[in-house]
Amino acid sequence: MSSPRLLSLRWPAGALVALLAIGQGAWGAAVAPEKGATGVAEMQRLLAQVKSQRDQMISAHESLARELREASEEQRKAILERMQEQKREFEAAQSALHKQIREEQRRQRQTVTGKR
């Protein structure tokens, strides 16, 4: 049986911090304000969406963890399955957002290299 500890959602925090650091450091200086403003705004929107999804997942996970502590053995199995399903859904959504972020990064790099 899986323990709730294995379902921890701490790993996306590091990814989010890395994305925020890259987003604020690299694009702000490299993209011209008149053309890059929409790219930077899009990147900020995507990063906010990543953070929002992460926060929602953490609160849902904590809620299920509280239920798990007070549940009978039969209920525990159902709760653990729900936790695993939520984790799979979260990972799929995060993967899609990360792909969008990479696409936005490519567009911004093409805009910068096209101006040279």
PDB file of N, CA and C in Angstrom:
ATOM      1  N   MET A   1       0.840  -1.181   0.000  1.00  0.00           N
ATOM      2  CA  MET A   1       0.000   0.000   0.000  1.00  0.00           C
ATOM      3  C   MET A   1       0.887   1.247   0.000  1.00  0.00           C
ATOM      4  N   SER A   2       0.538   2.233  -0.785  1.00  0.00           N
ATOM      5  CA  SER A   2       1.318   3.470  -0.875  1.00  0.00           C
ATOM      6  C   SER A   2       1.064   4.328   0.347  1.00  0.00           C
ATOM      7  N   SER A   3       2.092   5.001   0.752  1.00  0.00           N
ATOM      8  CA  SER A   3       1.901   5.940   1.857  1.00  0.00           C
ATOM      9  C   SER A   3       1.646   7.325   1.281  1.00  0.00           C
ATOM     10  N   PRO A   4       0.972   8.198   2.021  1.00  0.00           N
ATOM     11  CA  PRO A   4       0.719   9.553   1.534  1.00  0.00           C
ATOM     12  C   PRO A   4       2.010  10.311   1.266  1.00  0.00           C
ATOM     13  N   ARG A   5       3.066   9.909   1.946  1.00  0.00           N
ATOM     14  CA  ARG A   5       4.334  10.592   1.750  1.00  0.00           C
ATOM     15  C   ARG A   5       4.857  10.423   0.318  1.00  0.00           C
ATOM     16  N   LEU A   6       4.575   9.270  -0.291  1.00  0.00           N
ATOM     17  CA  LEU A   6       5.002   9.032  -1.661  1.00  0.00           C
ATOM     18  C   LEU A   6       4.267   9.924  -2.646  1.00  0.00           C
ATOM     19  N   LEU A   7       3.138  10.438  -2.235  1.00  0.00           N
ATOM     20  CA  LEU A   7       2.333  11.267  -3.116  1.00  0.00           C
ATOM     21  C   LEU A   7       2.630  12.751  -2.929  1.00  0.00           C
ATOM     22  N   SER A   8       3.733  13.051  -2.314  1.00  0.00           N
ATOM     23  CA  SER A   8       4.102  14.430  -2.020  1.00  0.00           C
ATOM     24  C   SER A   8       4.177  15.256  -3.289  1.00  0.00           C
ATOM     25  N   LEU A   9       3.785  16.500  -3.196  1.00  0.00           N
ATOM     26  CA  LEU A   9       3.777  17.403  -4.359  1.00  0.00           C
ATOM     27  C   LEU A   9       4.843  18.470  -4.246  1.00  0.00           C
ATOM     28  N   ARG A  10       5.862  18.199  -3.515  1.00  0.00           N
ATOM     29  CA  ARG A  10       6.908  19.200  -3.309  1.00  0.00           C
ATOM     30  C   ARG A  10       7.779  19.397  -4.542  1.00  0.00           C
ATOM     31  N   TRP A  11       7.921  18.417  -5.399  1.00  0.00           N
ATOM     32  CA  TRP A  11       8.836  18.539  -6.533  1.00  0.00           C
ATOM     33  C   TRP A  11       8.489  19.660  -7.493  1.00  0.00           C
ATOM     34  N   PRO A  12       7.213  19.991  -7.764  1.00  0.00           N
ATOM     35  CA  PRO A  12       6.950  21.078  -8.695  1.00  0.00           C
ATOM     36  C   PRO A  12       7.423  22.434  -8.197  1.00  0.00           C
ATOM     37  N   ALA A  13       7.612  22.590  -6.899  1.00  0.00           N
ATOM     38  CA  ALA A  13       8.048  23.883  -6.377  1.00  0.00           C
ATOM     39  C   ALA A  13       9.401  24.266  -6.967  1.00  0.00           C
ATOM     40  N   GLY A  14      10.319  23.322  -7.050  1.00  0.00           N
ATOM     41  CA  GLY A  14      11.632  23.598  -7.634  1.00  0.00           C
ATOM     42  C   GLY A  14      11.529  23.961  -9.097  1.00  0.00           C
ATOM     43  N   ALA A  15      10.665  23.255  -9.811  1.00  0.00           N
ATOM     44  CA  ALA A  15      10.476  23.552 -11.235  1.00  0.00           C
ATOM     45  C   ALA A  15       9.888  24.944 -11.409  1.00  0.00           C
ATOM     46  N   LEU A  16       8.943  25.291 -10.560  1.00  0.00           N
ATOM     47  CA  LEU A  16       8.323  26.610 -10.648  1.00  0.00           C
ATOM     48  C   LEU A  16       9.337  27.708 -10.363  1.00  0.00           C
ATOM     49  N   VAL A  17      10.166  27.517  -9.360  1.00  0.00           N
ATOM     50  CA  VAL A  17      11.189  28.508  -9.020  1.00  0.00           C
ATOM     51  C   VAL A  17      12.154  28.681 -10.190  1.00  0.00           C
ATOM     52  N   ALA A  18      12.546  27.570 -10.811  1.00  0.00           N
ATOM     53  CA  ALA A  18      13.453  27.647 -11.957  1.00  0.00           C
ATOM     54  C   ALA A  18      12.796  28.395 -13.115  1.00  0.00           C
ATOM     55  N   LEU A  19      11.525  28.100 -13.369  1.00  0.00           N
ATOM     56  CA  LEU A  19      10.822  28.782 -14.450  1.00  0.00           C
ATOM     57  C   LEU A  19      10.679  30.273 -14.167  1.00  0.00           C
ATOM     58  N   LEU A  20      10.388  30.616 -12.928  1.00  0.00           N
ATOM     59  CA  LEU A  20      10.273  32.030 -12.575  1.00  0.00           C
ATOM     60  C   LEU A  20      11.609  32.745 -12.730  1.00  0.00           C
ATOM     61  N   ALA A  21      12.687  32.095 -12.330  1.00  0.00           N
ATOM     62  CA  ALA A  21      14.011  32.707 -12.443  1.00  0.00           C
ATOM     63  C   ALA A  21      14.380  32.923 -13.903  1.00  0.00           C
ATOM     64  N   ILE A  22      14.114  31.931 -14.724  1.00  0.00           N
ATOM     65  CA  ILE A  22      14.417  32.050 -16.155  1.00  0.00           C
ATOM     66  C   ILE A  22      13.542  33.127 -16.771  1.00  0.00           C
ATOM     67  N   GLY A  23      12.252  33.087 -16.444  1.00  0.00           N
ATOM     68  CA  GLY A  23      11.299  34.028 -17.028  1.00  0.00           C
ATOM     69  C   GLY A  23      11.619  35.469 -16.708  1.00  0.00           C
ATOM     70  N   GLN A  24      12.029  35.749 -15.501  1.00  0.00           N
ATOM     71  CA  GLN A  24      12.285  37.130 -15.125  1.00  0.00           C
ATOM     72  C   GLN A  24      13.675  37.589 -15.538  1.00  0.00           C
ATOM     73  N   GLY A  25      14.630  36.698 -15.602  1.00  0.00           N
ATOM     74  CA  GLY A  25      15.998  37.085 -15.914  1.00  0.00           C
ATOM     75  C   GLY A  25      16.278  37.201 -17.395  1.00  0.00           C
ATOM     76  N   ALA A  26      15.921  36.198 -18.158  1.00  0.00           N
ATOM     77  CA  ALA A  26      16.339  36.126 -19.549  1.00  0.00           C
ATOM     78  C   ALA A  26      15.505  36.988 -20.477  1.00  0.00           C
ATOM     79  N   TRP A  27      14.189  36.979 -20.352  1.00  0.00           N
ATOM     80  CA  TRP A  27      13.373  37.634 -21.353  1.00  0.00           C
ATOM     81  C   TRP A  27      13.222  39.121 -21.133  1.00  0.00           C
ATOM     82  N   GLY A  28      13.262  39.575 -19.925  1.00  0.00           N
ATOM     83  CA  GLY A  28      13.080  40.998 -19.670  1.00  0.00           C
ATOM     84  C   GLY A  28      14.092  41.854 -20.395  1.00  0.00           C
ATOM     85  N   ALA A  29      15.349  41.429 -20.431  1.00  0.00           N
ATOM     86  CA  ALA A  29      16.397  42.216 -21.061  1.00  0.00           C
ATOM     87  C   ALA A  29      16.536  41.905 -22.548  1.00  0.00           C
ATOM     88  N   ALA A  30      16.212  40.704 -22.967  1.00  0.00           N
ATOM     89  CA  ALA A  30      16.484  40.276 -24.327  1.00  0.00           C
ATOM     90  C   ALA A  30      15.422  40.720 -25.327  1.00  0.00           C
ATOM     91  N   VAL A  31      14.196  40.947 -24.900  1.00  0.00           N
ATOM     92  CA  VAL A  31      13.108  41.253 -25.807  1.00  0.00           C
ATOM     93  C   VAL A  31      12.822  42.749 -25.760  1.00  0.00           C
ATOM     94  N   ALA A  32      12.713  43.351 -26.937  1.00  0.00           N
ATOM     95  CA  ALA A  32      12.414  44.774 -27.011  1.00  0.00           C
ATOM     96  C   ALA A  32      11.018  45.039 -26.455  1.00  0.00           C
ATOM     97  N   PRO A  33      10.812  46.138 -25.739  1.00  0.00           N
ATOM     98  CA  PRO A  33       9.533  46.391 -25.084  1.00  0.00           C
ATOM     99  C   PRO A  33       8.337  46.429 -26.035  1.00  0.00           C
ATOM    100  N   GLU A  34       8.481  47.054 -27.227  1.00  0.00           N
ATOM    101  CA  GLU A  34       7.314  47.196 -28.089  1.00  0.00           C
ATOM    102  C   GLU A  34       6.833  45.863 -28.649  1.00  0.00           C
ATOM    103  N   LYS A  35       7.713  44.957 -29.009  1.00  0.00           N
ATOM    104  CA  LYS A  35       7.314  43.660 -29.550  1.00  0.00           C
ATOM    105  C   LYS A  35       7.264  42.598 -28.463  1.00  0.00           C
ATOM    106  N   GLY A  36       8.144  42.672 -27.487  1.00  0.00           N
ATOM    107  CA  GLY A  36       8.261  41.631 -26.483  1.00  0.00           C
ATOM    108  C   GLY A  36       7.259  41.734 -25.356  1.00  0.00           C
ATOM    109  N   ALA A  37       6.543  42.846 -25.277  1.00  0.00           N
ATOM    110  CA  ALA A  37       5.616  43.022 -24.162  1.00  0.00           C
ATOM    111  C   ALA A  37       4.556  41.926 -24.151  1.00  0.00           C
ATOM    112  N   THR A  38       4.068  41.547 -25.326  1.00  0.00           N
ATOM    113  CA  THR A  38       3.059  40.485 -25.354  1.00  0.00           C
ATOM    114  C   THR A  38       3.677  39.144 -24.997  1.00  0.00           C
ATOM    115  N   GLY A  39       4.911  38.894 -25.397  1.00  0.00           N
ATOM    116  CA  GLY A  39       5.585  37.647 -25.057  1.00  0.00           C
ATOM    117  C   GLY A  39       5.833  37.531 -23.571  1.00  0.00           C
ATOM    118  N   VAL A  40       6.271  38.610 -22.967  1.00  0.00           N
ATOM    119  CA  VAL A  40       6.522  38.615 -21.525  1.00  0.00           C
ATOM    120  C   VAL A  40       5.194  38.456 -20.781  1.00  0.00           C
ATOM    121  N   ALA A  41       4.166  39.129 -21.233  1.00  0.00           N
ATOM    122  CA  ALA A  41       2.848  39.006 -20.591  1.00  0.00           C
ATOM    123  C   ALA A  41       2.334  37.580 -20.707  1.00  0.00           C
ATOM    124  N   GLU A  42       2.527  36.970 -21.860  1.00  0.00           N
ATOM    125  CA  GLU A  42       2.107  35.583 -22.051  1.00  0.00           C
ATOM    126  C   GLU A  42       2.880  34.658 -21.115  1.00  0.00           C
ATOM    127  N   MET A  43       4.161  34.881 -20.973  1.00  0.00           N
ATOM    128  CA  MET A  43       4.983  34.056 -20.090  1.00  0.00           C
ATOM    129  C   MET A  43       4.530  34.226 -18.640  1.00  0.00           C
ATOM    130  N   GLN A  44       4.253  35.443 -18.245  1.00  0.00           N
ATOM    131  CA  GLN A  44       3.776  35.689 -16.884  1.00  0.00           C
ATOM    132  C   GLN A  44       2.429  35.016 -16.648  1.00  0.00           C
ATOM    133  N   ARG A  45       1.561  35.042 -17.655  1.00  0.00           N
ATOM    134  CA  ARG A  45       0.263  34.380 -17.545  1.00  0.00           C
ATOM    135  C   ARG A  45       0.435  32.879 -17.373  1.00  0.00           C
ATOM    136  N   LEU A  46       1.321  32.287 -18.157  1.00  0.00           N
ATOM    137  CA  LEU A  46       1.566  30.849 -18.060  1.00  0.00           C
ATOM    138  C   LEU A  46       2.164  30.476 -16.702  1.00  0.00           C
ATOM    139  N   LEU A  47       3.097  31.278 -16.231  1.00  0.00           N
ATOM    140  CA  LEU A  47       3.701  31.003 -14.922  1.00  0.00           C
ATOM    141  C   LEU A  47       2.681  31.152 -13.793  1.00  0.00           C
ATOM    142  N   ALA A  48       1.791  32.123 -13.912  1.00  0.00           N
ATOM    143  CA  ALA A  48       0.733  32.282 -12.911  1.00  0.00           C
ATOM    144  C   ALA A  48      -0.208  31.082 -12.936  1.00  0.00           C
ATOM    145  N   GLN A  49      -0.458  30.563 -14.126  1.00  0.00           N
ATOM    146  CA  GLN A  49      -1.311  29.392 -14.258  1.00  0.00           C
ATOM    147  C   GLN A  49      -0.650  28.165 -13.624  1.00  0.00           C
ATOM    148  N   VAL A  50       0.667  28.021 -13.807  1.00  0.00           N
ATOM    149  CA  VAL A  50       1.410  26.922 -13.177  1.00  0.00           C
ATOM    150  C   VAL A  50       1.278  27.025 -11.662  1.00  0.00           C
ATOM    151  N   LYS A  51       1.480  28.207 -11.128  1.00  0.00           N
ATOM    152  CA  LYS A  51       1.399  28.410  -9.676  1.00  0.00           C
ATOM    153  C   LYS A  51      -0.011  28.134  -9.160  1.00  0.00           C
ATOM    154  N   SER A  52      -1.002  28.592  -9.887  1.00  0.00           N
ATOM    155  CA  SER A  52      -2.390  28.387  -9.487  1.00  0.00           C
ATOM    156  C   SER A  52      -2.735  26.901  -9.441  1.00  0.00           C
ATOM    157  N   GLN A  53      -2.346  26.177 -10.480  1.00  0.00           N
ATOM    158  CA  GLN A  53      -2.619  24.736 -10.501  1.00  0.00           C
ATOM    159  C   GLN A  53      -1.903  24.030  -9.363  1.00  0.00           C
ATOM    160  N   ARG A  54      -0.685  24.425  -9.108  1.00  0.00           N
ATOM    161  CA  ARG A  54       0.088  23.816  -8.028  1.00  0.00           C
ATOM    162  C   ARG A  54      -0.590  24.065  -6.679  1.00  0.00           C
ATOM    163  N   ASP A  55      -1.017  25.303  -6.454  1.00  0.00           N
ATOM    164  CA  ASP A  55      -1.679  25.641  -5.195  1.00  0.00           C
ATOM    165  C   ASP A  55      -2.980  24.854  -5.018  1.00  0.00           C
ATOM    166  N   GLN A  56      -3.750  24.719  -6.096  1.00  0.00           N
ATOM    167  CA  GLN A  56      -4.997  23.957  -6.034  1.00  0.00           C
ATOM    168  C   GLN A  56      -4.720  22.495  -5.712  1.00  0.00           C
ATOM    169  N   MET A  57      -3.690  21.942  -6.329  1.00  0.00           N
ATOM    170  CA  MET A  57      -3.357  20.548  -6.098  1.00  0.00           C
ATOM    171  C   MET A  57      -2.901  20.327  -4.667  1.00  0.00           C
ATOM    172  N   ILE A  58      -2.111  21.219  -4.146  1.00  0.00           N
ATOM    173  CA  ILE A  58      -1.634  21.087  -2.764  1.00  0.00           C
ATOM    174  C   ILE A  58      -2.812  21.130  -1.792  1.00  0.00           C
ATOM    175  N   SER A  59      -3.742  22.060  -1.989  1.00  0.00           N
ATOM    176  CA  SER A  59      -4.891  22.141  -1.071  1.00  0.00           C
ATOM    177  C   SER A  59      -5.766  20.897  -1.174  1.00  0.00           C
ATOM    178  N   ALA A  60      -5.972  20.375  -2.378  1.00  0.00           N
ATOM    179  CA  ALA A  60      -6.754  19.147  -2.546  1.00  0.00           C
ATOM    180  C   ALA A  60      -6.042  17.972  -1.884  1.00  0.00           C
ATOM    181  N   HIS A  61      -4.734  17.912  -2.039  1.00  0.00           N
ATOM    182  CA  HIS A  61      -3.950  16.831  -1.446  1.00  0.00           C
ATOM    183  C   HIS A  61      -4.011  16.891   0.084  1.00  0.00           C
ATOM    184  N   GLU A  62      -3.889  18.079   0.627  1.00  0.00           N
ATOM    185  CA  GLU A  62      -3.957  18.235   2.083  1.00  0.00           C
ATOM    186  C   GLU A  62      -5.327  17.845   2.620  1.00  0.00           C
ATOM    187  N   SER A  63      -6.374  18.186   1.884  1.00  0.00           N
ATOM    188  CA  SER A  63      -7.722  17.822   2.291  1.00  0.00           C
ATOM    189  C   SER A  63      -7.881  16.296   2.321  1.00  0.00           C
ATOM    190  N   LEU A  64      -7.413  15.638   1.275  1.00  0.00           N
ATOM    191  CA  LEU A  64      -7.490  14.179   1.239  1.00  0.00           C
ATOM    192  C   LEU A  64      -6.611  13.545   2.323  1.00  0.00           C
ATOM    193  N   ALA A  65      -5.479  14.153   2.618  1.00  0.00           N
ATOM    194  CA  ALA A  65      -4.602  13.620   3.661  1.00  0.00           C
ATOM    195  C   ALA A  65      -5.289  13.686   5.024  1.00  0.00           C
ATOM    196  N   ARG A  66      -6.057  14.750   5.269  1.00  0.00           N
ATOM    197  CA  ARG A  66      -6.823  14.854   6.524  1.00  0.00           C
ATOM    198  C   ARG A  66      -7.874  13.748   6.594  1.00  0.00           C
ATOM    199  N   GLU A  67      -8.569  13.536   5.474  1.00  0.00           N
ATOM    200  CA  GLU A  67      -9.566  12.464   5.423  1.00  0.00           C
ATOM    201  C   GLU A  67      -8.909  11.108   5.659  1.00  0.00           C
ATOM    202  N   LEU A  68      -7.732  10.936   5.103  1.00  0.00           N
ATOM    203  CA  LEU A  68      -7.024   9.661   5.195  1.00  0.00           C
ATOM    204  C   LEU A  68      -6.696   9.304   6.644  1.00  0.00           C
ATOM    205  N   ARG A  69      -6.324  10.295   7.438  1.00  0.00           N
ATOM    206  CA  ARG A  69      -5.966  10.048   8.835  1.00  0.00           C
ATOM    207  C   ARG A  69      -7.131   9.507   9.652  1.00  0.00           C
ATOM    208  N   GLU A  70      -8.335   9.891   9.297  1.00  0.00           N
ATOM    209  CA  GLU A  70      -9.510   9.503  10.067  1.00  0.00           C
ATOM    210  C   GLU A  70     -10.317   8.389   9.418  1.00  0.00           C
ATOM    211  N   ALA A  71      -9.843   7.834   8.315  1.00  0.00           N
ATOM    212  CA  ALA A  71     -10.618   6.869   7.538  1.00  0.00           C
ATOM    213  C   ALA A  71     -10.385   5.433   8.002  1.00  0.00           C
ATOM    214  N   SER A  72     -11.385   4.607   7.714  1.00  0.00           N
ATOM    215  CA  SER A  72     -11.227   3.175   7.967  1.00  0.00           C
ATOM    216  C   SER A  72     -10.347   2.592   6.854  1.00  0.00           C
ATOM    217  N   GLU A  73      -9.966   1.340   6.987  1.00  0.00           N
ATOM    218  CA  GLU A  73      -9.073   0.708   6.006  1.00  0.00           C
ATOM    219  C   GLU A  73      -9.693   0.707   4.604  1.00  0.00           C
ATOM    220  N   GLU A  74     -10.974   0.436   4.522  1.00  0.00           N
ATOM    221  CA  GLU A  74     -11.646   0.419   3.220  1.00  0.00           C
ATOM    222  C   GLU A  74     -11.676   1.821   2.607  1.00  0.00           C
ATOM    223  N   GLN A  75     -11.967   2.816   3.433  1.00  0.00           N
ATOM    224  CA  GLN A  75     -11.987   4.200   2.958  1.00  0.00           C
ATOM    225  C   GLN A  75     -10.589   4.661   2.566  1.00  0.00           C
ATOM    226  N   ARG A  76      -9.571   4.180   3.287  1.00  0.00           N
ATOM    227  CA  ARG A  76      -8.184   4.566   2.991  1.00  0.00           C
ATOM    228  C   ARG A  76      -7.803   4.190   1.566  1.00  0.00           C
ATOM    229  N   LYS A  77      -8.197   2.999   1.140  1.00  0.00           N
ATOM    230  CA  LYS A  77      -7.871   2.548  -0.220  1.00  0.00           C
ATOM    231  C   LYS A  77      -8.492   3.473  -1.257  1.00  0.00           C
ATOM    232  N   ALA A  78      -9.748   3.826  -1.056  1.00  0.00           N
ATOM    233  CA  ALA A  78     -10.432   4.720  -1.993  1.00  0.00           C
ATOM    234  C   ALA A  78      -9.782   6.111  -2.001  1.00  0.00           C
ATOM    235  N   ILE A  79      -9.422   6.609  -0.843  1.00  0.00           N
ATOM    236  CA  ILE A  79      -8.803   7.936  -0.749  1.00  0.00           C
ATOM    237  C   ILE A  79      -7.432   7.928  -1.416  1.00  0.00           C
ATOM    238  N   LEU A  80      -6.651   6.879  -1.176  1.00  0.00           N
ATOM    239  CA  LEU A  80      -5.333   6.791  -1.804  1.00  0.00           C
ATOM    240  C   LEU A  80      -5.451   6.724  -3.328  1.00  0.00           C
ATOM    241  N   GLU A  81      -6.457   6.031  -3.808  1.00  0.00           N
ATOM    242  CA  GLU A  81      -6.674   5.964  -5.258  1.00  0.00           C
ATOM    243  C   GLU A  81      -7.033   7.345  -5.815  1.00  0.00           C
ATOM    244  N   ARG A  82      -7.904   8.079  -5.077  1.00  0.00           N
ATOM    245  CA  ARG A  82      -8.244   9.442  -5.509  1.00  0.00           C
ATOM    246  C   ARG A  82      -7.007  10.333  -5.521  1.00  0.00           C
ATOM    247  N   MET A  83      -6.143  10.182  -4.518  1.00  0.00           N
ATOM    248  CA  MET A  83      -4.920  10.984  -4.449  1.00  0.00           C
ATOM    249  C   MET A  83      -4.013  10.680  -5.643  1.00  0.00           C
ATOM    250  N   GLN A  84      -3.889   9.412  -5.980  1.00  0.00           N
ATOM    251  CA  GLN A  84      -3.052   9.037  -7.119  1.00  0.00           C
ATOM    252  C   GLN A  84      -3.634   9.570  -8.422  1.00  0.00           C
ATOM    253  N   GLU A  85      -4.959   9.496  -8.571  1.00  0.00           N
ATOM    254  CA  GLU A  85      -5.605  10.008  -9.779  1.00  0.00           C
ATOM    255  C   GLU A  85      -5.408  11.522  -9.892  1.00  0.00           C
ATOM    256  N   GLN A  86      -5.562  12.242  -8.784  1.00  0.00           N
ATOM    257  CA  GLN A  86      -5.340  13.686  -8.803  1.00  0.00           C
ATOM    258  C   GLN A  86      -3.903  14.016  -9.183  1.00  0.00           C
ATOM    259  N   LYS A  87      -2.982  13.229  -8.683  1.00  0.00           N
ATOM    260  CA  LYS A  87      -1.575  13.465  -9.001  1.00  0.00           C
ATOM    261  C   LYS A  87      -1.324  13.261 -10.495  1.00  0.00           C
ATOM    262  N   ARG A  88      -1.904  12.205 -11.066  1.00  0.00           N
ATOM    263  CA  ARG A  88      -1.740  11.968 -12.512  1.00  0.00           C
ATOM    264  C   ARG A  88      -2.318  13.119 -13.330  1.00  0.00           C
ATOM    265  N   GLU A  89      -3.504  13.592 -12.936  1.00  0.00           N
ATOM    266  CA  GLU A  89      -4.131  14.711 -13.640  1.00  0.00           C
ATOM    267  C   GLU A  89      -3.281  15.976 -13.529  1.00  0.00           C
ATOM    268  N   PHE A  90      -2.761  16.223 -12.344  1.00  0.00           N
ATOM    269  CA  PHE A  90      -1.911  17.391 -12.123  1.00  0.00           C
ATOM    270  C   PHE A  90      -0.665  17.325 -12.990  1.00  0.00           C
ATOM    271  N   GLU A  91      -0.025  16.165 -13.022  1.00  0.00           N
ATOM    272  CA  GLU A  91       1.192  16.011 -13.823  1.00  0.00           C
ATOM    273  C   GLU A  91       0.904  16.218 -15.301  1.00  0.00           C
ATOM    274  N   ALA A  92      -0.226  15.735 -15.786  1.00  0.00           N
ATOM    275  CA  ALA A  92      -0.599  15.935 -17.189  1.00  0.00           C
ATOM    276  C   ALA A  92      -0.832  17.420 -17.483  1.00  0.00           C
ATOM    277  N   ALA A  93      -1.527  18.097 -16.583  1.00  0.00           N
ATOM    278  CA  ALA A  93      -1.788  19.533 -16.779  1.00  0.00           C
ATOM    279  C   ALA A  93      -0.488  20.324 -16.728  1.00  0.00           C
ATOM    280  N   GLN A  94       0.398  19.982 -15.792  1.00  0.00           N
ATOM    281  CA  GLN A  94       1.679  20.674 -15.693  1.00  0.00           C
ATOM    282  C   GLN A  94       2.522  20.436 -16.936  1.00  0.00           C
ATOM    283  N   SER A  95       2.496  19.227 -17.445  1.00  0.00           N
ATOM    284  CA  SER A  95       3.250  18.907 -18.649  1.00  0.00           C
ATOM    285  C   SER A  95       2.773  19.761 -19.825  1.00  0.00           C
ATOM    286  N   ALA A  96       1.461  19.896 -19.962  1.00  0.00           N
ATOM    287  CA  ALA A  96       0.909  20.722 -21.038  1.00  0.00           C
ATOM    288  C   ALA A  96       1.334  22.182 -20.879  1.00  0.00           C
ATOM    289  N   LEU A  97       1.302  22.689 -19.653  1.00  0.00           N
ATOM    290  CA  LEU A  97       1.728  24.076 -19.427  1.00  0.00           C
ATOM    291  C   LEU A  97       3.217  24.252 -19.702  1.00  0.00           C
ATOM    292  N   HIS A  98       4.015  23.284 -19.326  1.00  0.00           N
ATOM    293  CA  HIS A  98       5.458  23.386 -19.570  1.00  0.00           C
ATOM    294  C   HIS A  98       5.744  23.388 -21.073  1.00  0.00           C
ATOM    295  N   LYS A  99       4.968  22.636 -21.835  1.00  0.00           N
ATOM    296  CA  LYS A  99       5.124  22.657 -23.295  1.00  0.00           C
ATOM    297  C   LYS A  99       4.777  24.031 -23.843  1.00  0.00           C
ATOM    298  N   GLN A 100       3.709  24.631 -23.326  1.00  0.00           N
ATOM    299  CA  GLN A 100       3.340  25.975 -23.768  1.00  0.00           C
ATOM    300  C   GLN A 100       4.437  26.974 -23.426  1.00  0.00           C
ATOM    301  N   ILE A 101       5.033  26.837 -22.264  1.00  0.00           N
ATOM    302  CA  ILE A 101       6.105  27.735 -21.845  1.00  0.00           C
ATOM    303  C   ILE A 101       7.302  27.583 -22.779  1.00  0.00           C
ATOM    304  N   ARG A 102       7.659  26.354 -23.106  1.00  0.00           N
ATOM    305  CA  ARG A 102       8.785  26.139 -24.023  1.00  0.00           C
ATOM    306  C   ARG A 102       8.499  26.727 -25.400  1.00  0.00           C
ATOM    307  N   GLU A 103       7.259  26.588 -25.874  1.00  0.00           N
ATOM    308  CA  GLU A 103       6.886  27.186 -27.157  1.00  0.00           C
ATOM    309  C   GLU A 103       7.004  28.709 -27.102  1.00  0.00           C
ATOM    310  N   GLU A 104       6.560  29.298 -26.008  1.00  0.00           N
ATOM    311  CA  GLU A 104       6.672  30.748 -25.851  1.00  0.00           C
ATOM    312  C   GLU A 104       8.135  31.175 -25.815  1.00  0.00           C
ATOM    313  N   GLN A 105       8.967  30.397 -25.160  1.00  0.00           N
ATOM    314  CA  GLN A 105      10.400  30.689 -25.128  1.00  0.00           C
ATOM    315  C   GLN A 105      10.976  30.658 -26.543  1.00  0.00           C
ATOM    316  N   ARG A 106      10.588  29.650 -27.328  1.00  0.00           N
ATOM    317  CA  ARG A 106      11.065  29.559 -28.721  1.00  0.00           C
ATOM    318  C   ARG A 106      10.627  30.778 -29.525  1.00  0.00           C
ATOM    319  N   ARG A 107       9.354  31.177 -29.361  1.00  0.00           N
ATOM    320  CA  ARG A 107       8.859  32.358 -30.080  1.00  0.00           C
ATOM    321  C   ARG A 107       9.648  33.600 -29.691  1.00  0.00           C
ATOM    322  N   GLN A 108       9.943  33.739 -28.417  1.00  0.00           N
ATOM    323  CA  GLN A 108      10.690  34.908 -27.966  1.00  0.00           C
ATOM    324  C   GLN A 108      12.122  34.886 -28.494  1.00  0.00           C
ATOM    325  N   ARG A 109      12.736  33.716 -28.518  1.00  0.00           N
ATOM    326  CA  ARG A 109      14.100  33.630 -29.067  1.00  0.00           C
ATOM    327  C   ARG A 109      14.104  33.963 -30.554  1.00  0.00           C
ATOM    328  N   GLN A 110      13.094  33.493 -31.280  1.00  0.00           N
ATOM    329  CA  GLN A 110      13.018  33.791 -32.710  1.00  0.00           C
ATOM    330  C   GLN A 110      12.809  35.283 -32.939  1.00  0.00           C
ATOM    331  N   THR A 111      12.034  35.915 -32.081  1.00  0.00           N
ATOM    332  CA  THR A 111      11.804  37.357 -32.206  1.00  0.00           C
ATOM    333  C   THR A 111      13.107  38.117 -31.969  1.00  0.00           C
ATOM    334  N   VAL A 112      13.873  37.704 -30.978  1.00  0.00           N
ATOM    335  CA  VAL A 112      15.127  38.370 -30.647  1.00  0.00           C
ATOM    336  C   VAL A 112      16.146  38.131 -31.739  1.00  0.00           C
ATOM    337  N   THR A 113      16.309  36.918 -32.228  1.00  0.00           N
ATOM    338  CA  THR A 113      17.314  36.627 -33.254  1.00  0.00           C
ATOM    339  C   THR A 113      16.900  37.214 -34.601  1.00  0.00           C
ATOM    340  N   GLY A 114      15.608  37.374 -34.838  1.00  0.00           N
ATOM    341  CA  GLY A 114      15.145  37.975 -36.089  1.00  0.00           C
ATOM    342  C   GLY A 114      15.476  39.454 -36.179  1.00  0.00           C
ATOM    343  N   LYS A 115      15.679  40.115 -35.058  1.00  0.00           N
ATOM    344  CA  LYS A 115      15.966  41.564 -35.046  1.00  0.00           C
ATOM    345  C   LYS A 115      17.436  41.858 -35.278  1.00  0.00           C
ATOM    346  N   ARG A 116      18.277  40.862 -35.120  1.00  0.00           N
ATOM    347  CA  ARG A 116      19.713  41.094 -35.268  1.00  0.00           C
ATOM    348  C   ARG A 116      20.139  41.171 -36.682  1.00  0.00           C
TER     349      ARG A 116
END
